[in-house]
Amino acid sequence: MSSAHDVSPDVIDAAAGLTAGGALHAARRFRQTVVDATQASHDALLFEPVEGLSPADRLRVAVRCCEAAGAGTLATHYRRLLDEPARAAETASPALGAMREWAATLTLEPRRGDRAALLALKAAGLGDAAIVALAQLVAFLSYQTRVVAGLRALAQPRAAVAGSADEASRTAAASTVAPAAGAAAIIRINGFTNETLDWRSWLLPVQVDAATPLQLAVLDESHAQARSSDYYLTLVHQPTMLRHRSTAYNAIMYAPGGLPRAERELGALVVSVTNGCVYCTSVHAQRYAQLARRTDTVEQVFTDPATAGSTPREQAIARLARAVTLRPQSLGAVDLEPLRAQGLGDQDLIDLLQAVAIFGWANRLMHNLGEPVPKA
């Protein structure tokens, strides 16, 4: 997307200190689609017209989220945009206090999202389309802050970690574990399951027969079953925002090459359990089991994601996924070294970081705009 509001250089590159010609700048562009869709998301989420939600109020929310997350460089970026004369003069909405409180809660404690919190936004005067735009913004900022934090950790000199050069650990991988018996069995542990669930929106989804041509096109681009999904029909209240989000998500989770897909799914699964998102957990428990052809690690993640993993490589993936989810601003080279010891290079690590970060985005939408329900 190109607009008068486009920011150059790329916001994540600038916040992470990446420069053209550098190794990490190039490694990030192994997924050029992700780079482009991430920047396009930034621009649309801040500046796409939304009734009842001005760009200035969105920037005020962005500053609050980044300050709460300890993402100082990004907070400065959003303050700079807010201080531009055209926006600094905009009067804040009476609903800004409710928006900022909701946004800070989602930033720090996504498990606390519930229908009452969403209805408080409606009581403050926001319509469904504005709430979707606000939720997308807050969820995107969770993703953005974690990608930046991970890239900054990658840029640090490698850390010396005891045992990091152990050859047996380096070569161990999930694919070396024999498939577990009963791979299709239903698992229910600690409130999580690998059963197929439905999802019910707390907002009014767009009706397909009333959708605009753009909304229909974006639904079809996003997912094969999007026209029958409450989730996508809710997000398509803001079709341009959904388009860029779906493009980034699909490229991060499904594009060929780089980190094996099963390991991206393992990162997604650990994040979803850590954030308490029952629906995302069920979907990605299934996908991991299908790709890895076993469920032992799924059971371990459901039981305790902090200790999960059937191999040293899986354990290292789970530990990093937890660290990125729970303490992104304290990430450092020491957190990445166990994965480097397993043979992951910069491109693989960026793949994992982006998979983990995109589920900070996905969980905050799924868990805060609706609820899982039994499959009909």
Protein backbone atom coordinates (compact mmCIF):
# COMPACT_ATOMS: atom_id res chain seq x y z
CA MET A 1 0.00 0.00 0.00
CA SER A 2 1.27 3.49 -0.81
CA SER A 3 -0.13 6.65 0.75
CA ALA A 4 0.83 10.08 1.96
CA HIS A 5 1.19 8.56 5.41
CA ASP A 6 3.75 5.93 4.46
CA VAL A 7 6.76 5.99 6.76
CA SER A 8 10.25 5.62 5.36
CA PRO A 9 12.38 3.85 6.33
CA ASP A 10 10.40 0.79 7.34
CA VAL A 11 9.18 1.28 10.94
CA ILE A 12 10.43 -2.08 12.24
CA ASP A 13 13.82 -1.65 10.57
CA ALA A 14 14.17 1.80 12.11
CA ALA A 15 13.07 0.70 15.60
CA ALA A 16 15.34 -2.36 15.54
CA GLY A 17 18.31 -0.43 14.15
CA LEU A 18 18.51 -2.40 10.88
CA THR A 19 20.13 -0.73 7.88
CA ALA A 20 20.21 -1.66 4.21
CA GLY A 21 23.19 -3.85 3.46
CA GLY A 22 23.23 -5.37 6.93
CA ALA A 23 22.89 -9.12 7.46
CA LEU A 24 19.66 -8.93 9.50
CA HIS A 25 18.10 -6.43 7.10
CA ALA A 26 18.72 -8.95 4.30
CA ALA A 27 17.61 -11.95 6.38
CA ARG A 28 14.34 -10.25 7.20
CA ARG A 29 13.69 -9.83 3.50
CA PHE A 30 13.70 -13.57 2.96
CA ARG A 31 10.00 -12.97 3.72
CA GLN A 32 9.57 -9.76 1.72
CA THR A 33 5.81 -10.27 1.71
CA VAL A 34 5.83 -10.13 5.51
CA VAL A 35 7.91 -6.95 5.53
CA ASP A 36 5.56 -5.25 3.07
CA ALA A 37 2.34 -6.42 4.74
CA THR A 38 3.61 -5.39 8.18
CA GLN A 39 4.35 -1.86 7.02
CA ALA A 40 1.03 -1.71 5.15
CA SER A 41 -0.73 -2.82 8.34
CA HIS A 42 0.93 0.00 10.26
CA ASP A 43 -0.26 2.56 7.72
CA ALA A 44 -3.82 1.24 7.42
CA LEU A 45 -4.33 0.77 11.15
CA LEU A 46 -3.31 4.35 11.87
CA PHE A 47 -4.64 6.27 8.90
CA GLU A 48 -7.42 4.31 7.16
CA PRO A 49 -10.67 6.29 7.71
CA VAL A 50 -12.73 4.82 10.57
CA GLU A 51 -15.98 6.36 11.73
CA GLY A 52 -15.67 7.34 15.38
CA LEU A 53 -11.93 6.63 15.62
CA SER A 54 -9.62 9.43 14.52
CA PRO A 55 -5.97 8.92 13.55
CA ALA A 56 -4.95 11.09 16.51
CA ASP A 57 -6.82 8.89 18.98
CA ARG A 58 -5.29 5.80 17.41
CA LEU A 59 -1.85 7.33 17.85
CA ARG A 60 -2.67 8.18 21.46
CA VAL A 61 -3.61 4.55 22.01
CA ALA A 62 -0.43 3.39 20.24
CA VAL A 63 1.73 5.53 22.53
CA ARG A 64 -0.06 4.10 25.59
CA CYS A 65 0.41 0.51 24.40
CA CYS A 66 4.11 0.95 23.64
CA GLU A 67 4.75 2.69 26.95
CA ALA A 68 2.96 -0.13 28.79
CA ALA A 69 5.03 -2.70 26.90
CA GLY A 70 8.31 -0.89 27.58
CA ALA A 71 8.89 -0.38 23.85
CA GLY A 72 10.47 3.04 24.11
CA THR A 73 11.71 3.38 20.54
CA LEU A 74 8.26 2.60 19.12
CA ALA A 75 6.57 4.89 21.66
CA THR A 76 8.81 7.70 20.40
CA HIS A 77 7.85 6.88 16.81
CA TYR A 78 4.13 7.15 17.58
CA ARG A 79 4.61 10.33 19.63
CA ARG A 80 6.40 11.90 16.68
CA LEU A 81 3.48 11.08 14.39
CA LEU A 82 1.02 12.37 16.98
CA ASP A 83 2.94 15.64 17.35
CA GLU A 84 2.57 16.52 13.67
CA PRO A 85 0.44 19.72 13.52
CA ALA A 86 -2.51 18.20 11.67
CA ARG A 87 -3.01 15.61 14.41
CA ALA A 88 -1.81 17.46 17.49
CA ALA A 89 -4.73 19.83 16.99
CA GLU A 90 -7.34 17.06 16.96
CA THR A 91 -9.51 16.98 20.08
CA ALA A 92 -9.50 13.66 21.89
CA SER A 93 -12.68 11.60 21.81
CA PRO A 94 -14.71 11.30 25.04
CA ALA A 95 -14.16 7.55 24.64
CA LEU A 96 -10.35 7.86 24.71
CA GLY A 97 -10.07 6.94 28.39
CA ALA A 98 -12.00 3.70 27.86
CA MET A 99 -9.97 2.94 24.74
CA ARG A 100 -6.65 3.48 26.49
CA GLU A 101 -7.66 1.36 29.49
CA TRP A 102 -8.84 -1.51 27.26
CA ALA A 103 -5.72 -1.25 25.11
CA ALA A 104 -3.37 -1.35 28.10
CA THR A 105 -5.14 -4.42 29.48
CA LEU A 106 -4.86 -6.26 26.17
CA THR A 107 -1.22 -5.26 25.87
CA LEU A 108 -0.18 -6.59 29.27
CA GLU A 109 -2.82 -9.19 30.21
CA PRO A 110 -4.60 -10.60 27.14
CA ARG A 111 -6.15 -13.34 29.30
CA ARG A 112 -8.35 -10.68 30.93
CA GLY A 113 -10.31 -9.98 27.78
CA ASP A 114 -14.01 -10.71 28.15
CA ARG A 115 -17.39 -9.65 26.81
CA ALA A 116 -17.89 -7.10 29.61
CA ALA A 117 -14.68 -5.30 28.64
CA LEU A 118 -15.82 -5.14 25.03
CA LEU A 119 -19.26 -3.86 25.98
CA ALA A 120 -17.59 -1.06 27.96
CA LEU A 121 -16.22 0.24 24.65
CA LYS A 122 -19.71 0.17 23.15
CA ALA A 123 -21.03 2.00 26.20
CA ALA A 124 -18.35 4.64 25.63
CA GLY A 125 -19.76 5.26 22.16
CA LEU A 126 -17.72 3.07 19.79
CA GLY A 127 -19.51 1.16 17.06
CA ASP A 128 -18.61 -2.36 15.98
CA ALA A 129 -16.43 -1.25 13.06
CA ALA A 130 -14.47 1.14 15.30
CA ILE A 131 -13.99 -1.59 17.93
CA VAL A 132 -12.61 -3.94 15.28
CA ALA A 133 -10.17 -1.24 14.12
CA LEU A 134 -9.08 -0.58 17.72
CA ALA A 135 -8.63 -4.31 18.43
CA GLN A 136 -6.58 -4.75 15.26
CA LEU A 137 -4.36 -1.82 16.23
CA VAL A 138 -3.69 -3.06 19.76
CA ALA A 139 -3.06 -6.61 18.55
CA PHE A 140 -0.75 -5.37 15.79
CA LEU A 141 1.28 -3.37 18.31
CA SER A 142 1.78 -6.55 20.33
CA TYR A 143 3.19 -8.18 17.18
CA GLN A 144 5.28 -5.16 16.21
CA THR A 145 6.89 -4.72 19.64
CA ARG A 146 7.86 -8.40 19.72
CA VAL A 147 9.35 -8.45 16.24
CA VAL A 148 11.42 -5.38 17.10
CA ALA A 149 12.55 -6.87 20.42
CA GLY A 150 13.53 -10.13 18.74
CA LEU A 151 15.50 -8.38 15.99
CA ARG A 152 17.35 -6.29 18.56
CA ALA A 153 18.28 -9.47 20.42
CA LEU A 154 19.46 -11.02 17.15
CA ALA A 155 21.69 -8.01 16.55
CA GLN A 156 23.57 -8.52 19.83
CA PRO A 157 26.87 -10.42 19.87
CA ARG A 158 26.42 -14.12 20.41
CA ALA A 159 26.31 -15.19 24.02
CA ALA A 160 28.43 -17.95 25.54
CA VAL A 161 26.10 -20.59 26.96
CA ALA A 162 27.31 -23.71 28.73
CA GLY A 163 26.80 -26.78 26.56
CA SER A 164 25.70 -24.75 23.53
CA ALA A 165 28.14 -26.59 21.26
CA ASP A 166 26.92 -30.04 22.21
CA GLU A 167 26.67 -31.92 18.93
CA ALA A 168 23.88 -34.25 20.07
CA SER A 169 21.71 -31.28 20.99
CA ARG A 170 22.56 -29.47 17.79
CA THR A 171 21.34 -32.27 15.57
CA ALA A 172 18.30 -33.29 17.59
CA ALA A 173 15.06 -32.26 15.89
CA ALA A 174 11.38 -32.98 16.27
CA SER A 175 11.37 -35.10 13.14
CA THR A 176 13.69 -37.63 14.81
CA VAL A 177 11.05 -38.62 17.37
CA ALA A 178 8.95 -41.63 16.45
CA PRO A 179 5.22 -40.89 16.04
CA ALA A 180 3.37 -41.43 19.30
CA ALA A 181 0.60 -43.94 19.58
CA GLY A 182 -2.93 -42.61 19.47
CA ALA A 183 -2.00 -39.52 17.46
CA ALA A 184 -5.68 -38.79 16.73
CA ALA A 185 -6.83 -39.06 20.35
CA ILE A 186 -8.73 -36.21 21.98
CA ILE A 187 -6.63 -34.33 24.53
CA ARG A 188 -8.15 -32.25 27.33
CA ILE A 189 -5.71 -30.77 29.85
CA ASN A 190 -5.92 -27.60 31.95
CA GLY A 191 -8.90 -26.27 30.02
CA PHE A 192 -7.24 -26.74 26.61
CA THR A 193 -8.19 -29.25 23.94
CA ASN A 194 -7.24 -30.37 20.45
CA GLU A 195 -10.91 -30.84 19.57
CA THR A 196 -12.39 -28.79 16.73
CA LEU A 197 -14.21 -25.76 18.14
CA ASP A 198 -16.37 -23.00 16.73
CA TRP A 199 -15.98 -19.32 17.60
CA ARG A 200 -18.77 -16.85 18.39
CA SER A 201 -18.32 -13.10 18.02
CA TRP A 202 -19.37 -10.62 20.71
CA LEU A 203 -19.92 -8.08 17.92
CA LEU A 204 -22.27 -8.22 14.95
CA PRO A 205 -20.49 -9.95 12.05
CA VAL A 206 -20.90 -8.61 8.53
CA GLN A 207 -23.67 -10.43 6.66
CA VAL A 208 -22.33 -11.96 3.45
CA ASP A 209 -25.35 -10.89 1.40
CA ALA A 210 -24.80 -7.29 2.55
CA ALA A 211 -21.01 -7.24 2.13
CA THR A 212 -19.30 -4.86 -0.27
CA PRO A 213 -17.28 -6.17 -3.23
CA LEU A 214 -14.08 -5.25 -1.33
CA GLN A 215 -15.21 -7.13 1.77
CA LEU A 216 -16.04 -10.23 -0.30
CA ALA A 217 -12.69 -10.08 -2.09
CA VAL A 218 -10.78 -9.79 1.18
CA LEU A 219 -12.73 -12.66 2.74
CA ASP A 220 -11.82 -14.90 -0.20
CA GLU A 221 -8.15 -13.86 -0.01
CA SER A 222 -7.97 -14.47 3.72
CA HIS A 223 -9.21 -18.06 4.13
CA ALA A 224 -11.09 -20.67 2.13
CA GLN A 225 -13.92 -20.76 4.71
CA ALA A 226 -13.90 -17.06 5.59
CA ARG A 227 -17.42 -16.41 4.26
CA SER A 228 -18.83 -18.80 6.87
CA SER A 229 -16.54 -17.80 9.74
CA ASP A 230 -17.75 -15.44 12.48
CA TYR A 231 -14.10 -14.47 13.05
CA TYR A 232 -13.42 -13.29 9.52
CA LEU A 233 -16.89 -11.81 9.14
CA THR A 234 -16.20 -9.73 12.24
CA LEU A 235 -12.74 -8.58 11.15
CA VAL A 236 -13.99 -7.68 7.66
CA HIS A 237 -15.75 -4.67 9.16
CA GLN A 238 -12.31 -3.22 8.32
CA PRO A 239 -11.42 -4.96 5.03
CA THR A 240 -8.15 -3.18 4.26
CA MET A 241 -6.83 -3.90 7.75
CA LEU A 242 -7.86 -7.54 7.41
CA ARG A 243 -6.25 -7.81 3.97
CA HIS A 244 -2.81 -6.78 5.22
CA ARG A 245 -3.12 -8.84 8.39
CA SER A 246 -4.09 -11.97 6.43
CA THR A 247 -1.25 -11.44 3.96
CA ALA A 248 1.28 -11.23 6.79
CA TYR A 249 -0.22 -14.18 8.67
CA ASN A 250 -0.33 -16.50 5.66
CA ALA A 251 3.24 -15.66 4.65
CA ILE A 252 4.54 -16.15 8.19
CA MET A 253 2.80 -19.46 8.85
CA TYR A 254 2.55 -21.15 5.45
CA ALA A 255 5.24 -19.85 3.07
CA PRO A 256 7.76 -22.50 1.97
CA GLY A 257 11.40 -22.61 2.98
CA GLY A 258 12.98 -21.43 6.18
CA LEU A 259 11.96 -22.88 9.54
CA PRO A 260 9.95 -26.12 9.15
CA ARG A 261 6.21 -25.47 9.34
CA ALA A 262 5.75 -27.87 12.26
CA GLU A 263 8.13 -25.75 14.32
CA ARG A 264 6.30 -22.54 13.43
CA GLU A 265 3.11 -24.28 14.61
CA LEU A 266 4.83 -25.32 17.84
CA GLY A 267 5.72 -21.69 18.51
CA ALA A 268 2.10 -20.69 17.81
CA LEU A 269 0.82 -23.41 20.14
CA VAL A 270 3.06 -22.36 23.04
CA VAL A 271 2.05 -18.71 22.67
CA SER A 272 -1.66 -19.57 22.52
CA VAL A 273 -1.52 -21.63 25.72
CA THR A 274 0.57 -18.96 27.45
CA ASN A 275 -1.97 -16.29 26.48
CA GLY A 276 -4.92 -18.50 27.43
CA CYS A 277 -6.52 -18.52 23.97
CA VAL A 278 -8.49 -21.78 23.92
CA TYR A 279 -9.65 -21.47 20.30
CA CYS A 280 -6.19 -20.76 18.83
CA THR A 281 -4.76 -23.55 20.97
CA SER A 282 -7.21 -26.10 19.56
CA VAL A 283 -6.49 -25.16 15.95
CA HIS A 284 -2.72 -25.17 16.25
CA ALA A 285 -2.56 -28.29 18.40
CA GLN A 286 -4.23 -30.05 15.47
CA ARG A 287 -1.93 -28.50 12.88
CA TYR A 288 1.22 -29.31 14.84
CA ALA A 289 0.11 -32.92 15.34
CA GLN A 290 -0.69 -33.29 11.63
CA LEU A 291 2.73 -31.95 10.60
CA ALA A 292 4.79 -33.68 13.32
CA ARG A 293 2.64 -36.87 13.22
CA ARG A 294 2.52 -37.11 17.02
CA THR A 295 0.85 -35.56 20.05
CA ASP A 296 3.31 -36.05 22.90
CA THR A 297 4.57 -32.48 22.67
CA VAL A 298 0.98 -31.18 22.46
CA GLU A 299 0.21 -32.88 25.77
CA GLN A 300 3.37 -31.38 27.29
CA VAL A 301 2.46 -27.86 26.14
CA PHE A 302 -1.06 -28.21 27.55
CA THR A 303 0.39 -29.42 30.86
CA ASP A 304 3.16 -26.80 31.20
CA PRO A 305 4.52 -24.85 28.22
CA ALA A 306 7.51 -23.76 30.32
CA THR A 307 8.86 -27.32 30.41
CA ALA A 308 7.44 -28.69 27.13
CA GLY A 309 9.39 -30.35 24.35
CA SER A 310 10.27 -33.92 23.40
CA THR A 311 13.72 -32.98 22.07
CA PRO A 312 16.27 -30.30 22.96
CA ARG A 313 15.26 -28.43 19.81
CA GLU A 314 11.57 -28.42 20.75
CA GLN A 315 12.45 -27.36 24.27
CA ALA A 316 14.48 -24.44 22.93
CA ILE A 317 11.59 -23.39 20.65
CA ALA A 318 9.12 -23.51 23.54
CA ARG A 319 11.43 -21.51 25.84
CA LEU A 320 11.93 -18.77 23.26
CA ALA A 321 8.21 -18.62 22.46
CA ARG A 322 7.49 -18.09 26.15
CA ALA A 323 10.21 -15.47 26.52
CA VAL A 324 9.00 -13.47 23.51
CA THR A 325 5.43 -13.67 24.79
CA LEU A 326 6.04 -12.79 28.43
CA ARG A 327 9.14 -10.56 28.49
CA PRO A 328 9.94 -9.22 25.02
CA GLN A 329 11.84 -6.16 26.22
CA SER A 330 14.37 -8.23 28.18
CA LEU A 331 15.21 -10.54 25.28
CA GLY A 332 18.89 -10.92 24.59
CA ALA A 333 21.44 -13.05 22.77
CA VAL A 334 21.41 -15.55 25.65
CA ASP A 335 17.76 -16.37 24.86
CA LEU A 336 18.63 -17.21 21.25
CA GLU A 337 21.77 -19.22 21.85
CA PRO A 338 20.03 -22.55 22.65
CA LEU A 339 18.37 -22.36 19.21
CA ARG A 340 21.61 -21.37 17.50
CA ALA A 341 23.11 -24.45 19.14
CA GLN A 342 20.43 -26.48 17.35
CA GLY A 343 21.61 -25.10 14.02
CA LEU A 344 19.07 -22.28 13.49
CA GLY A 345 20.45 -19.34 11.55
CA ASP A 346 19.17 -15.79 11.34
CA GLN A 347 16.45 -16.57 8.78
CA ASP A 348 15.13 -19.49 10.85
CA LEU A 349 15.15 -17.40 14.01
CA ILE A 350 13.28 -14.57 12.29
CA ASP A 351 10.72 -17.12 11.07
CA LEU A 352 10.21 -18.31 14.64
CA LEU A 353 10.10 -14.80 16.08
CA GLN A 354 7.48 -13.76 13.52
CA ALA A 355 5.37 -16.88 14.13
CA VAL A 356 5.43 -16.21 17.86
CA ALA A 357 4.71 -12.49 17.38
CA ILE A 358 1.82 -13.04 14.94
CA PHE A 359 0.12 -15.13 17.61
CA GLY A 360 0.41 -12.25 20.04
CA TRP A 361 -1.74 -10.56 17.38
CA ALA A 362 -4.06 -13.51 16.70
CA ASN A 363 -4.71 -14.37 20.36
CA ARG A 364 -5.65 -10.79 21.21
CA LEU A 365 -8.30 -10.82 18.48
CA MET A 366 -9.71 -14.28 19.12
CA HIS A 367 -9.74 -13.98 22.91
CA ASN A 368 -11.04 -10.41 23.10
CA LEU A 369 -13.64 -10.17 20.31
CA GLY A 370 -15.48 -13.42 20.98
CA GLU A 371 -15.38 -16.85 22.58
CA PRO A 372 -14.89 -20.51 21.67
CA VAL A 373 -17.99 -22.69 21.60
CA PRO A 374 -18.49 -26.42 21.02
CA LYS A 375 -18.65 -27.49 17.40
CA ALA A 376 -22.26 -27.78 16.31
